[in-house]
Amino acid sequence: LVFWRDRRSETKFAREQTEQRMLWAAEIFALFESFAEFHTDAMPAVT
């Protein structure tokens, strides 16, 4: 799930171009995490 700001005026293909970079960003971050642990407990706990 990606929260695209405007689903009607942007083509699916154009969104998919950006989604590939999203996949690669997560893949690069996962590689860094294989060497070190980043903090994960700082997200605000809101009701």
ModelCIF file with pLDDT and N, C-alpha, C, O atoms, coordinates in Angstrom:
data_MODEL
#
_entry.id   MODEL 
#
_entity.id                         1 
_entity.type                       polymer 
_entity.pdbx_number_of_molecules   1 
#
_entity_poly.entity_id                      1 
_entity_poly.type                           'polypeptide(L)' 
_entity_poly.nstd_linkage                   no 
_entity_poly.nstd_monomer                   no 
_entity_poly.pdbx_seq_one_letter_code       LVFWRDRRSETKFAREQTEQRMLWAAEIFALFESFAEFHTDAMPAVT 
_entity_poly.pdbx_seq_one_letter_code_can   LVFWRDRRSETKFAREQTEQRMLWAAEIFALFESFAEFHTDAMPAVT 
_entity_poly.pdbx_strand_id                 A 
#
loop_
_entity_poly_seq.entity_id 
_entity_poly_seq.num 
_entity_poly_seq.mon_id 
_entity_poly_seq.hetero 
1 1  LEU n 
1 2  VAL n 
1 3  PHE n 
1 4  TRP n 
1 5  ARG n 
1 6  ASP n 
1 7  ARG n 
1 8  ARG n 
1 9  SER n 
1 10 GLU n 
1 11 THR n 
1 12 LYS n 
1 13 PHE n 
1 14 ALA n 
1 15 ARG n 
1 16 GLU n 
1 17 GLN n 
1 18 THR n 
1 19 GLU n 
1 20 GLN n 
1 21 ARG n 
1 22 MET n 
1 23 LEU n 
1 24 TRP n 
1 25 ALA n 
1 26 ALA n 
1 27 GLU n 
1 28 ILE n 
1 29 PHE n 
1 30 ALA n 
1 31 LEU n 
1 32 PHE n 
1 33 GLU n 
1 34 SER n 
1 35 PHE n 
1 36 ALA n 
1 37 GLU n 
1 38 PHE n 
1 39 HIS n 
1 40 THR n 
1 41 ASP n 
1 42 ALA n 
1 43 MET n 
1 44 PRO n 
1 45 ALA n 
1 46 VAL n 
1 47 THR n 
#
_struct_asym.id          A 
_struct_asym.entity_id   1 
#
loop_
_ma_qa_metric.id 
_ma_qa_metric.mode 
_ma_qa_metric.name 
_ma_qa_metric.software_group_id 
_ma_qa_metric.type 
1 global pLDDT . pLDDT 
2 local  pLDDT . pLDDT 
#
_ma_qa_metric_global.metric_id      1 
_ma_qa_metric_global.metric_value   79.94 
_ma_qa_metric_global.model_id       1 
_ma_qa_metric_global.ordinal_id     1 
#
loop_
_ma_qa_metric_local.label_asym_id 
_ma_qa_metric_local.label_comp_id 
_ma_qa_metric_local.label_seq_id 
_ma_qa_metric_local.metric_id 
_ma_qa_metric_local.metric_value 
_ma_qa_metric_local.model_id 
_ma_qa_metric_local.ordinal_id 
A LEU 1  2 69.00 1 1  
A VAL 2  2 73.00 1 2  
A PHE 3  2 69.00 1 3  
A TRP 4  2 66.00 1 4  
A ARG 5  2 64.00 1 5  
A ASP 6  2 61.00 1 6  
A ARG 7  2 52.00 1 7  
A ARG 8  2 55.00 1 8  
A SER 9  2 57.00 1 9  
A GLU 10 2 63.00 1 10 
A THR 11 2 76.00 1 11 
A LYS 12 2 78.00 1 12 
A PHE 13 2 80.00 1 13 
A ALA 14 2 81.00 1 14 
A ARG 15 2 83.00 1 15 
A GLU 16 2 86.00 1 16 
A GLN 17 2 88.00 1 17 
A THR 18 2 88.00 1 18 
A GLU 19 2 89.00 1 19 
A GLN 20 2 92.00 1 20 
A ARG 21 2 93.00 1 21 
A MET 22 2 91.00 1 22 
A LEU 23 2 92.00 1 23 
A TRP 24 2 95.00 1 24 
A ALA 25 2 95.00 1 25 
A ALA 26 2 93.00 1 26 
A GLU 27 2 94.00 1 27 
A ILE 28 2 95.00 1 28 
A PHE 29 2 94.00 1 29 
A ALA 30 2 92.00 1 30 
A LEU 31 2 92.00 1 31 
A PHE 32 2 92.00 1 32 
A GLU 33 2 89.00 1 33 
A SER 34 2 87.00 1 34 
A PHE 35 2 86.00 1 35 
A ALA 36 2 76.00 1 36 
A GLU 37 2 77.00 1 37 
A PHE 38 2 81.00 1 38 
A HIS 39 2 72.00 1 39 
A THR 40 2 65.00 1 40 
A ASP 41 2 63.00 1 41 
A ALA 42 2 78.00 1 42 
A MET 43 2 83.00 1 43 
A PRO 44 2 86.00 1 44 
A ALA 45 2 81.00 1 45 
A VAL 46 2 76.00 1 46 
A THR 47 2 69.00 1 47 
#
loop_
_atom_site.group_PDB 
_atom_site.id 
_atom_site.type_symbol 
_atom_site.label_atom_id 
_atom_site.label_alt_id 
_atom_site.label_comp_id 
_atom_site.label_asym_id 
_atom_site.label_entity_id 
_atom_site.label_seq_id 
_atom_site.pdbx_PDB_ins_code 
_atom_site.Cartn_x 
_atom_site.Cartn_y 
_atom_site.Cartn_z 
_atom_site.occupancy 
_atom_site.B_iso_or_equiv 
_atom_site.pdbx_formal_charge 
_atom_site.auth_seq_id 
_atom_site.auth_comp_id 
_atom_site.auth_asym_id 
_atom_site.auth_atom_id 
_atom_site.pdbx_PDB_model_num 
ATOM 1   N N  . LEU A 1 1  ? 0.821  -1.203 0.000   1.00 69.00 ? 1  LEU A N  1 
ATOM 2   C CA . LEU A 1 1  ? 0.000  0.000  0.000   1.00 69.00 ? 1  LEU A CA 1 
ATOM 3   C C  . LEU A 1 1  ? 0.856  1.254  0.000   1.00 69.00 ? 1  LEU A C  1 
ATOM 4   O O  . LEU A 1 1  ? 1.717  1.430  0.862   1.00 69.00 ? 1  LEU A O  1 
ATOM 5   N N  . VAL A 1 2  ? 0.617  2.123  -0.969  1.00 73.00 ? 2  VAL A N  1 
ATOM 6   C CA . VAL A 1 2  ? 1.252  3.438  -1.032  1.00 73.00 ? 2  VAL A CA 1 
ATOM 7   C C  . VAL A 1 2  ? 0.132  4.475  -1.057  1.00 73.00 ? 2  VAL A C  1 
ATOM 8   O O  . VAL A 1 2  ? -0.809 4.358  -1.842  1.00 73.00 ? 2  VAL A O  1 
ATOM 9   N N  . PHE A 1 3  ? 0.232  5.482  -0.201  1.00 69.00 ? 3  PHE A N  1 
ATOM 10  C CA . PHE A 1 3  ? -0.785 6.539  -0.184  1.00 69.00 ? 3  PHE A CA 1 
ATOM 11  C C  . PHE A 1 3  ? -0.416 7.601  -1.214  1.00 69.00 ? 3  PHE A C  1 
ATOM 12  O O  . PHE A 1 3  ? 0.251  8.586  -0.895  1.00 69.00 ? 3  PHE A O  1 
ATOM 13  N N  . TRP A 1 4  ? -0.859 7.389  -2.454  1.00 66.00 ? 4  TRP A N  1 
ATOM 14  C CA . TRP A 1 4  ? -0.610 8.372  -3.498  1.00 66.00 ? 4  TRP A CA 1 
ATOM 15  C C  . TRP A 1 4  ? -1.558 9.546  -3.311  1.00 66.00 ? 4  TRP A C  1 
ATOM 16  O O  . TRP A 1 4  ? -2.743 9.357  -3.037  1.00 66.00 ? 4  TRP A O  1 
ATOM 17  N N  . ARG A 1 5  ? -1.037 10.756 -3.459  1.00 64.00 ? 5  ARG A N  1 
ATOM 18  C CA . ARG A 1 5  ? -1.831 11.955 -3.227  1.00 64.00 ? 5  ARG A CA 1 
ATOM 19  C C  . ARG A 1 5  ? -3.005 12.057 -4.193  1.00 64.00 ? 5  ARG A C  1 
ATOM 20  O O  . ARG A 1 5  ? -4.111 12.410 -3.786  1.00 64.00 ? 5  ARG A O  1 
ATOM 21  N N  . ASP A 1 6  ? -2.780 11.756 -5.447  1.00 61.00 ? 6  ASP A N  1 
ATOM 22  C CA . ASP A 1 6  ? -3.844 11.867 -6.448  1.00 61.00 ? 6  ASP A CA 1 
ATOM 23  C C  . ASP A 1 6  ? -3.808 10.649 -7.352  1.00 61.00 ? 6  ASP A C  1 
ATOM 24  O O  . ASP A 1 6  ? -2.933 10.534 -8.211  1.00 61.00 ? 6  ASP A O  1 
ATOM 25  N N  . ARG A 1 7  ? -4.755 9.739  -7.163  1.00 52.00 ? 7  ARG A N  1 
ATOM 26  C CA . ARG A 1 7  ? -4.769 8.502  -7.939  1.00 52.00 ? 7  ARG A CA 1 
ATOM 27  C C  . ARG A 1 7  ? -5.400 8.680  -9.314  1.00 52.00 ? 7  ARG A C  1 
ATOM 28  O O  . ARG A 1 7  ? -5.149 7.885  -10.220 1.00 52.00 ? 7  ARG A O  1 
ATOM 29  N N  . ARG A 1 8  ? -6.207 9.703  -9.474  1.00 55.00 ? 8  ARG A N  1 
ATOM 30  C CA . ARG A 1 8  ? -6.965 9.848  -10.718 1.00 55.00 ? 8  ARG A CA 1 
ATOM 31  C C  . ARG A 1 8  ? -6.145 10.463 -11.847 1.00 55.00 ? 8  ARG A C  1 
ATOM 32  O O  . ARG A 1 8  ? -6.282 10.062 -13.002 1.00 55.00 ? 8  ARG A O  1 
ATOM 33  N N  . SER A 1 9  ? -5.283 11.445 -11.518 1.00 57.00 ? 9  SER A N  1 
ATOM 34  C CA . SER A 1 9  ? -4.606 12.181 -12.580 1.00 57.00 ? 9  SER A CA 1 
ATOM 35  C C  . SER A 1 9  ? -3.239 11.607 -12.938 1.00 57.00 ? 9  SER A C  1 
ATOM 36  O O  . SER A 1 9  ? -2.665 11.989 -13.958 1.00 57.00 ? 9  SER A O  1 
ATOM 37  N N  . GLU A 1 10 ? -2.705 10.697 -12.123 1.00 63.00 ? 10 GLU A N  1 
ATOM 38  C CA . GLU A 1 10 ? -1.404 10.102 -12.412 1.00 63.00 ? 10 GLU A CA 1 
ATOM 39  C C  . GLU A 1 10 ? -1.595 8.683  -12.932 1.00 63.00 ? 10 GLU A C  1 
ATOM 40  O O  . GLU A 1 10 ? -2.438 7.945  -12.421 1.00 63.00 ? 10 GLU A O  1 
ATOM 41  N N  . THR A 1 11 ? -0.823 8.295  -13.939 1.00 76.00 ? 11 THR A N  1 
ATOM 42  C CA . THR A 1 11 ? -0.973 6.968  -14.515 1.00 76.00 ? 11 THR A CA 1 
ATOM 43  C C  . THR A 1 11 ? -0.341 5.916  -13.611 1.00 76.00 ? 11 THR A C  1 
ATOM 44  O O  . THR A 1 11 ? 0.575  6.204  -12.840 1.00 76.00 ? 11 THR A O  1 
ATOM 45  N N  . LYS A 1 12 ? -0.839 4.711  -13.721 1.00 78.00 ? 12 LYS A N  1 
ATOM 46  C CA . LYS A 1 12 ? -0.296 3.589  -12.954 1.00 78.00 ? 12 LYS A CA 1 
ATOM 47  C C  . LYS A 1 12 ? 1.170  3.361  -13.324 1.00 78.00 ? 12 LYS A C  1 
ATOM 48  O O  . LYS A 1 12 ? 1.993  3.080  -12.453 1.00 78.00 ? 12 LYS A O  1 
ATOM 49  N N  . PHE A 1 13 ? 1.495  3.479  -14.600 1.00 80.00 ? 13 PHE A N  1 
ATOM 50  C CA . PHE A 1 13 ? 2.864  3.248  -15.043 1.00 80.00 ? 13 PHE A CA 1 
ATOM 51  C C  . PHE A 1 13 ? 3.822  4.278  -14.425 1.00 80.00 ? 13 PHE A C  1 
ATOM 52  O O  . PHE A 1 13 ? 4.936  3.931  -14.032 1.00 80.00 ? 13 PHE A O  1 
ATOM 53  N N  . ALA A 1 14 ? 3.388  5.537  -14.342 1.00 81.00 ? 14 ALA A N  1 
ATOM 54  C CA . ALA A 1 14 ? 4.232  6.571  -13.746 1.00 81.00 ? 14 ALA A CA 1 
ATOM 55  C C  . ALA A 1 14 ? 4.457  6.307  -12.264 1.00 81.00 ? 14 ALA A C  1 
ATOM 56  O O  . ALA A 1 14 ? 5.551  6.536  -11.748 1.00 81.00 ? 14 ALA A O  1 
ATOM 57  N N  . ARG A 1 15 ? 3.418  5.825  -11.576 1.00 83.00 ? 15 ARG A N  1 
ATOM 58  C CA . ARG A 1 15 ? 3.584  5.488  -10.168 1.00 83.00 ? 15 ARG A CA 1 
ATOM 59  C C  . ARG A 1 15 ? 4.538  4.319  -10.005 1.00 83.00 ? 15 ARG A C  1 
ATOM 60  O O  . ARG A 1 15 ? 5.349  4.295  -9.079  1.00 83.00 ? 15 ARG A O  1 
ATOM 61  N N  . GLU A 1 16 ? 4.442  3.360  -10.896 1.00 86.00 ? 16 GLU A N  1 
ATOM 62  C CA . GLU A 1 16 ? 5.311  2.187  -10.801 1.00 86.00 ? 16 GLU A CA 1 
ATOM 63  C C  . GLU A 1 16 ? 6.782  2.554  -10.997 1.00 86.00 ? 16 GLU A C  1 
ATOM 64  O O  . GLU A 1 16 ? 7.659  1.905  -10.427 1.00 86.00 ? 16 GLU A O  1 
ATOM 65  N N  . GLN A 1 17 ? 7.061  3.584  -11.794 1.00 88.00 ? 17 GLN A N  1 
ATOM 66  C CA . GLN A 1 17 ? 8.441  4.039  -11.946 1.00 88.00 ? 17 GLN A CA 1 
ATOM 67  C C  . GLN A 1 17 ? 9.031  4.431  -10.592 1.00 88.00 ? 17 GLN A C  1 
ATOM 68  O O  . GLN A 1 17 ? 10.171 4.090  -10.277 1.00 88.00 ? 17 GLN A O  1 
ATOM 69  N N  . THR A 1 18 ? 8.244  5.148  -9.802  1.00 88.00 ? 18 THR A N  1 
ATOM 70  C CA . THR A 1 18 ? 8.711  5.571  -8.487  1.00 88.00 ? 18 THR A CA 1 
ATOM 71  C C  . THR A 1 18 ? 8.752  4.400  -7.516  1.00 88.00 ? 18 THR A C  1 
ATOM 72  O O  . THR A 1 18 ? 9.632  4.343  -6.658  1.00 88.00 ? 18 THR A O  1 
ATOM 73  N N  . GLU A 1 19 ? 7.816  3.467  -7.639  1.00 89.00 ? 19 GLU A N  1 
ATOM 74  C CA . GLU A 1 19 ? 7.768  2.338  -6.727  1.00 89.00 ? 19 GLU A CA 1 
ATOM 75  C C  . GLU A 1 19 ? 9.030  1.482  -6.799  1.00 89.00 ? 19 GLU A C  1 
ATOM 76  O O  . GLU A 1 19 ? 9.419  0.857  -5.812  1.00 89.00 ? 19 GLU A O  1 
ATOM 77  N N  . GLN A 1 20 ? 9.668  1.456  -7.971  1.00 92.00 ? 20 GLN A N  1 
ATOM 78  C CA . GLN A 1 20 ? 10.916 0.678  -8.063  1.00 92.00 ? 20 GLN A CA 1 
ATOM 79  C C  . GLN A 1 20 ? 11.986 1.283  -7.154  1.00 92.00 ? 20 GLN A C  1 
ATOM 80  O O  . GLN A 1 20 ? 12.745 0.557  -6.512  1.00 92.00 ? 20 GLN A O  1 
ATOM 81  N N  . ARG A 1 21 ? 12.042 2.616  -7.104  1.00 93.00 ? 21 ARG A N  1 
ATOM 82  C CA . ARG A 1 21 ? 13.012 3.259  -6.208  1.00 93.00 ? 21 ARG A CA 1 
ATOM 83  C C  . ARG A 1 21 ? 12.672 2.981  -4.746  1.00 93.00 ? 21 ARG A C  1 
ATOM 84  O O  . ARG A 1 21 ? 13.567 2.879  -3.907  1.00 93.00 ? 21 ARG A O  1 
ATOM 85  N N  . MET A 1 22 ? 11.386 2.861  -4.443  1.00 91.00 ? 22 MET A N  1 
ATOM 86  C CA . MET A 1 22 ? 10.991 2.505  -3.084  1.00 91.00 ? 22 MET A CA 1 
ATOM 87  C C  . MET A 1 22 ? 11.540 1.125  -2.712  1.00 91.00 ? 22 MET A C  1 
ATOM 88  O O  . MET A 1 22 ? 12.083 0.934  -1.624  1.00 91.00 ? 22 MET A O  1 
ATOM 89  N N  . LEU A 1 23 ? 11.392 0.175  -3.626  1.00 92.00 ? 23 LEU A N  1 
ATOM 90  C CA . LEU A 1 23 ? 11.913 -1.168 -3.379  1.00 92.00 ? 23 LEU A CA 1 
ATOM 91  C C  . LEU A 1 23 ? 13.412 -1.143 -3.156  1.00 92.00 ? 23 LEU A C  1 
ATOM 92  O O  . LEU A 1 23 ? 13.926 -1.810 -2.258  1.00 92.00 ? 23 LEU A O  1 
ATOM 93  N N  . TRP A 1 24 ? 14.114 -0.370 -3.979  1.00 95.00 ? 24 TRP A N  1 
ATOM 94  C CA . TRP A 1 24 ? 15.571 -0.324 -3.851  1.00 95.00 ? 24 TRP A CA 1 
ATOM 95  C C  . TRP A 1 24 ? 16.002 0.364  -2.556  1.00 95.00 ? 24 TRP A C  1 
ATOM 96  O O  . TRP A 1 24 ? 16.993 -0.033 -1.942  1.00 95.00 ? 24 TRP A O  1 
ATOM 97  N N  . ALA A 1 25 ? 15.262 1.392  -2.141  1.00 95.00 ? 25 ALA A N  1 
ATOM 98  C CA . ALA A 1 25 ? 15.591 2.068  -0.878  1.00 95.00 ? 25 ALA A CA 1 
ATOM 99  C C  . ALA A 1 25 ? 15.472 1.093  0.283   1.00 95.00 ? 25 ALA A C  1 
ATOM 100 O O  . ALA A 1 25 ? 16.341 1.060  1.154   1.00 95.00 ? 25 ALA A O  1 
ATOM 101 N N  . ALA A 1 26 ? 14.415 0.306  0.304   1.00 93.00 ? 26 ALA A N  1 
ATOM 102 C CA . ALA A 1 26 ? 14.240 -0.679 1.367   1.00 93.00 ? 26 ALA A CA 1 
ATOM 103 C C  . ALA A 1 26 ? 15.327 -1.748 1.312   1.00 93.00 ? 26 ALA A C  1 
ATOM 104 O O  . ALA A 1 26 ? 15.793 -2.228 2.346   1.00 93.00 ? 26 ALA A O  1 
ATOM 105 N N  . GLU A 1 27 ? 15.725 -2.114 0.098   1.00 94.00 ? 27 GLU A N  1 
ATOM 106 C CA . GLU A 1 27 ? 16.756 -3.136 -0.063  1.00 94.00 ? 27 GLU A CA 1 
ATOM 107 C C  . GLU A 1 27 ? 18.114 -2.635 0.423   1.00 94.00 ? 27 GLU A C  1 
ATOM 108 O O  . GLU A 1 27 ? 18.861 -3.369 1.070   1.00 94.00 ? 27 GLU A O  1 
ATOM 109 N N  . ILE A 1 28 ? 18.421 -1.387 0.108   1.00 95.00 ? 28 ILE A N  1 
ATOM 110 C CA . ILE A 1 28 ? 19.684 -0.804 0.576   1.00 95.00 ? 28 ILE A CA 1 
ATOM 111 C C  . ILE A 1 28 ? 19.681 -0.688 2.097   1.00 95.00 ? 28 ILE A C  1 
ATOM 112 O O  . ILE A 1 28 ? 20.672 -1.012 2.751   1.00 95.00 ? 28 ILE A O  1 
ATOM 113 N N  . PHE A 1 29 ? 18.569 -0.228 2.653   1.00 94.00 ? 29 PHE A N  1 
ATOM 114 C CA . PHE A 1 29 ? 18.488 -0.086 4.100   1.00 94.00 ? 29 PHE A CA 1 
ATOM 115 C C  . PHE A 1 29 ? 18.642 -1.450 4.774   1.00 94.00 ? 29 PHE A C  1 
ATOM 116 O O  . PHE A 1 29 ? 19.324 -1.567 5.792   1.00 94.00 ? 29 PHE A O  1 
ATOM 117 N N  . ALA A 1 30 ? 18.013 -2.473 4.212   1.00 92.00 ? 30 ALA A N  1 
ATOM 118 C CA . ALA A 1 30 ? 18.133 -3.823 4.779   1.00 92.00 ? 30 ALA A CA 1 
ATOM 119 C C  . ALA A 1 30 ? 19.578 -4.296 4.755   1.00 92.00 ? 30 ALA A C  1 
ATOM 120 O O  . ALA A 1 30 ? 20.023 -4.984 5.673   1.00 92.00 ? 30 ALA A O  1 
ATOM 121 N N  . LEU A 1 31 ? 20.317 -3.928 3.704   1.00 92.00 ? 31 LEU A N  1 
ATOM 122 C CA . LEU A 1 31 ? 21.727 -4.291 3.640   1.00 92.00 ? 31 LEU A CA 1 
ATOM 123 C C  . LEU A 1 31 ? 22.504 -3.621 4.767   1.00 92.00 ? 31 LEU A C  1 
ATOM 124 O O  . LEU A 1 31 ? 23.338 -4.256 5.412   1.00 92.00 ? 31 LEU A O  1 
ATOM 125 N N  . PHE A 1 32 ? 22.231 -2.333 5.007   1.00 92.00 ? 32 PHE A N  1 
ATOM 126 C CA . PHE A 1 32 ? 22.886 -1.639 6.115   1.00 92.00 ? 32 PHE A CA 1 
ATOM 127 C C  . PHE A 1 32 ? 22.530 -2.301 7.444   1.00 92.00 ? 32 PHE A C  1 
ATOM 128 O O  . PHE A 1 32 ? 23.379 -2.433 8.325   1.00 92.00 ? 32 PHE A O  1 
ATOM 129 N N  . GLU A 1 33 ? 21.282 -2.713 7.581   1.00 89.00 ? 33 GLU A N  1 
ATOM 130 C CA . GLU A 1 33 ? 20.856 -3.358 8.831   1.00 89.00 ? 33 GLU A CA 1 
ATOM 131 C C  . GLU A 1 33 ? 21.528 -4.700 9.045   1.00 89.00 ? 33 GLU A C  1 
ATOM 132 O O  . GLU A 1 33 ? 21.582 -5.181 10.177  1.00 89.00 ? 33 GLU A O  1 
ATOM 133 N N  . SER A 1 34 ? 22.034 -5.312 8.004   1.00 87.00 ? 34 SER A N  1 
ATOM 134 C CA . SER A 1 34 ? 22.754 -6.570 8.181   1.00 87.00 ? 34 SER A CA 1 
ATOM 135 C C  . SER A 1 34 ? 24.095 -6.356 8.863   1.00 87.00 ? 34 SER A C  1 
ATOM 136 O O  . SER A 1 34 ? 24.700 -7.306 9.359   1.00 87.00 ? 34 SER A O  1 
ATOM 137 N N  . PHE A 1 35 ? 24.568 -5.099 8.892   1.00 86.00 ? 35 PHE A N  1 
ATOM 138 C CA . PHE A 1 35 ? 25.815 -4.758 9.564   1.00 86.00 ? 35 PHE A CA 1 
ATOM 139 C C  . PHE A 1 35 ? 25.590 -4.096 10.917  1.00 86.00 ? 35 PHE A C  1 
ATOM 140 O O  . PHE A 1 35 ? 26.458 -4.163 11.788  1.00 86.00 ? 35 PHE A O  1 
ATOM 141 N N  . ALA A 1 36 ? 24.452 -3.463 11.103  1.00 76.00 ? 36 ALA A N  1 
ATOM 142 C CA . ALA A 1 36 ? 24.229 -2.702 12.330  1.00 76.00 ? 36 ALA A CA 1 
ATOM 143 C C  . ALA A 1 36 ? 22.745 -2.605 12.620  1.00 76.00 ? 36 ALA A C  1 
ATOM 144 O O  . ALA A 1 36 ? 21.902 -2.846 11.757  1.00 76.00 ? 36 ALA A O  1 
ATOM 145 N N  . GLU A 1 37 ? 22.451 -2.245 13.858  1.00 77.00 ? 37 GLU A N  1 
ATOM 146 C CA . GLU A 1 37 ? 21.060 -2.137 14.270  1.00 77.00 ? 37 GLU A CA 1 
ATOM 147 C C  . GLU A 1 37 ? 20.685 -0.676 14.449  1.00 77.00 ? 37 GLU A C  1 
ATOM 148 O O  . GLU A 1 37 ? 21.302 0.041  15.237  1.00 77.00 ? 37 GLU A O  1 
ATOM 149 N N  . PHE A 1 38 ? 19.682 -0.247 13.723  1.00 81.00 ? 38 PHE A N  1 
ATOM 150 C CA . PHE A 1 38 ? 19.165 1.109  13.848  1.00 81.00 ? 38 PHE A CA 1 
ATOM 151 C C  . PHE A 1 38 ? 18.091 1.124  14.929  1.00 81.00 ? 38 PHE A C  1 
ATOM 152 O O  . PHE A 1 38 ? 17.474 0.097  15.214  1.00 81.00 ? 38 PHE A O  1 
ATOM 153 N N  . HIS A 1 39 ? 17.873 2.283  15.526  1.00 72.00 ? 39 HIS A N  1 
ATOM 154 C CA . HIS A 1 39 ? 16.826 2.355  16.544  1.00 72.00 ? 39 HIS A CA 1 
ATOM 155 C C  . HIS A 1 39 ? 15.460 2.201  15.886  1.00 72.00 ? 39 HIS A C  1 
ATOM 156 O O  . HIS A 1 39 ? 15.225 2.708  14.789  1.00 72.00 ? 39 HIS A O  1 
ATOM 157 N N  . THR A 1 40 ? 14.558 1.491  16.575  1.00 65.00 ? 40 THR A N  1 
ATOM 158 C CA . THR A 1 40 ? 13.239 1.206  16.017  1.00 65.00 ? 40 THR A CA 1 
ATOM 159 C C  . THR A 1 40 ? 12.111 1.525  16.991  1.00 65.00 ? 40 THR A C  1 
ATOM 160 O O  . THR A 1 40 ? 10.940 1.324  16.668  1.00 65.00 ? 40 THR A O  1 
ATOM 161 N N  . ASP A 1 41 ? 12.451 2.022  18.182  1.00 63.00 ? 41 ASP A N  1 
ATOM 162 C CA . ASP A 1 41 ? 11.440 2.170  19.223  1.00 63.00 ? 41 ASP A CA 1 
ATOM 163 C C  . ASP A 1 41 ? 11.058 3.627  19.492  1.00 63.00 ? 41 ASP A C  1 
ATOM 164 O O  . ASP A 1 41 ? 10.526 3.943  20.557  1.00 63.00 ? 41 ASP A O  1 
ATOM 165 N N  . ALA A 1 42 ? 11.326 4.512  18.532  1.00 78.00 ? 42 ALA A N  1 
ATOM 166 C CA . ALA A 1 42 ? 11.119 5.938  18.784  1.00 78.00 ? 42 ALA A CA 1 
ATOM 167 C C  . ALA A 1 42 ? 9.834  6.486  18.181  1.00 78.00 ? 42 ALA A C  1 
ATOM 168 O O  . ALA A 1 42 ? 9.541  7.670  18.348  1.00 78.00 ? 42 ALA A O  1 
ATOM 169 N N  . MET A 1 43 ? 9.064  5.665  17.490  1.00 83.00 ? 43 MET A N  1 
ATOM 170 C CA . MET A 1 43 ? 7.827  6.162  16.877  1.00 83.00 ? 43 MET A CA 1 
ATOM 171 C C  . MET A 1 43 ? 6.843  6.594  17.958  1.00 83.00 ? 43 MET A C  1 
ATOM 172 O O  . MET A 1 43 ? 6.617  5.844  18.908  1.00 83.00 ? 43 MET A O  1 
ATOM 173 N N  . PRO A 1 44 ? 6.251  7.780  17.839  1.00 86.00 ? 44 PRO A N  1 
ATOM 174 C CA . PRO A 1 44 ? 5.301  8.252  18.856  1.00 86.00 ? 44 PRO A CA 1 
ATOM 175 C C  . PRO A 1 44 ? 4.151  7.269  19.048  1.00 86.00 ? 44 PRO A C  1 
ATOM 176 O O  . PRO A 1 44 ? 3.576  6.763  18.084  1.00 86.00 ? 44 PRO A O  1 
ATOM 177 N N  . ALA A 1 45 ? 3.834  7.014  20.302  1.00 81.00 ? 45 ALA A N  1 
ATOM 178 C CA . ALA A 1 45 ? 2.713  6.125  20.624  1.00 81.00 ? 45 ALA A CA 1 
ATOM 179 C C  . ALA A 1 45 ? 1.479  6.991  20.837  1.00 81.00 ? 45 ALA A C  1 
ATOM 180 O O  . ALA A 1 45 ? 1.257  7.513  21.930  1.00 81.00 ? 45 ALA A O  1 
ATOM 181 N N  . VAL A 1 46 ? 0.688  7.138  19.799  1.00 76.00 ? 46 VAL A N  1 
ATOM 182 C CA . VAL A 1 46 ? -0.495 8.001  19.883  1.00 76.00 ? 46 VAL A CA 1 
ATOM 183 C C  . VAL A 1 46 ? -1.753 7.155  19.921  1.00 76.00 ? 46 VAL A C  1 
ATOM 184 O O  . VAL A 1 46 ? -1.796 6.053  19.373  1.00 76.00 ? 46 VAL A O  1 
ATOM 185 N N  . THR A 1 47 ? -2.766 7.680  20.569  1.00 69.00 ? 47 THR A N  1 
ATOM 186 C CA . THR A 1 47 ? -4.063 7.003  20.641  1.00 69.00 ? 47 THR A CA 1 
ATOM 187 C C  . THR A 1 47 ? -4.983 7.614  19.602  1.00 69.00 ? 47 THR A C  1 
ATOM 188 O O  . THR A 1 47 ? -6.135 7.200  19.479  1.00 69.00 ? 47 THR A O  1 
#
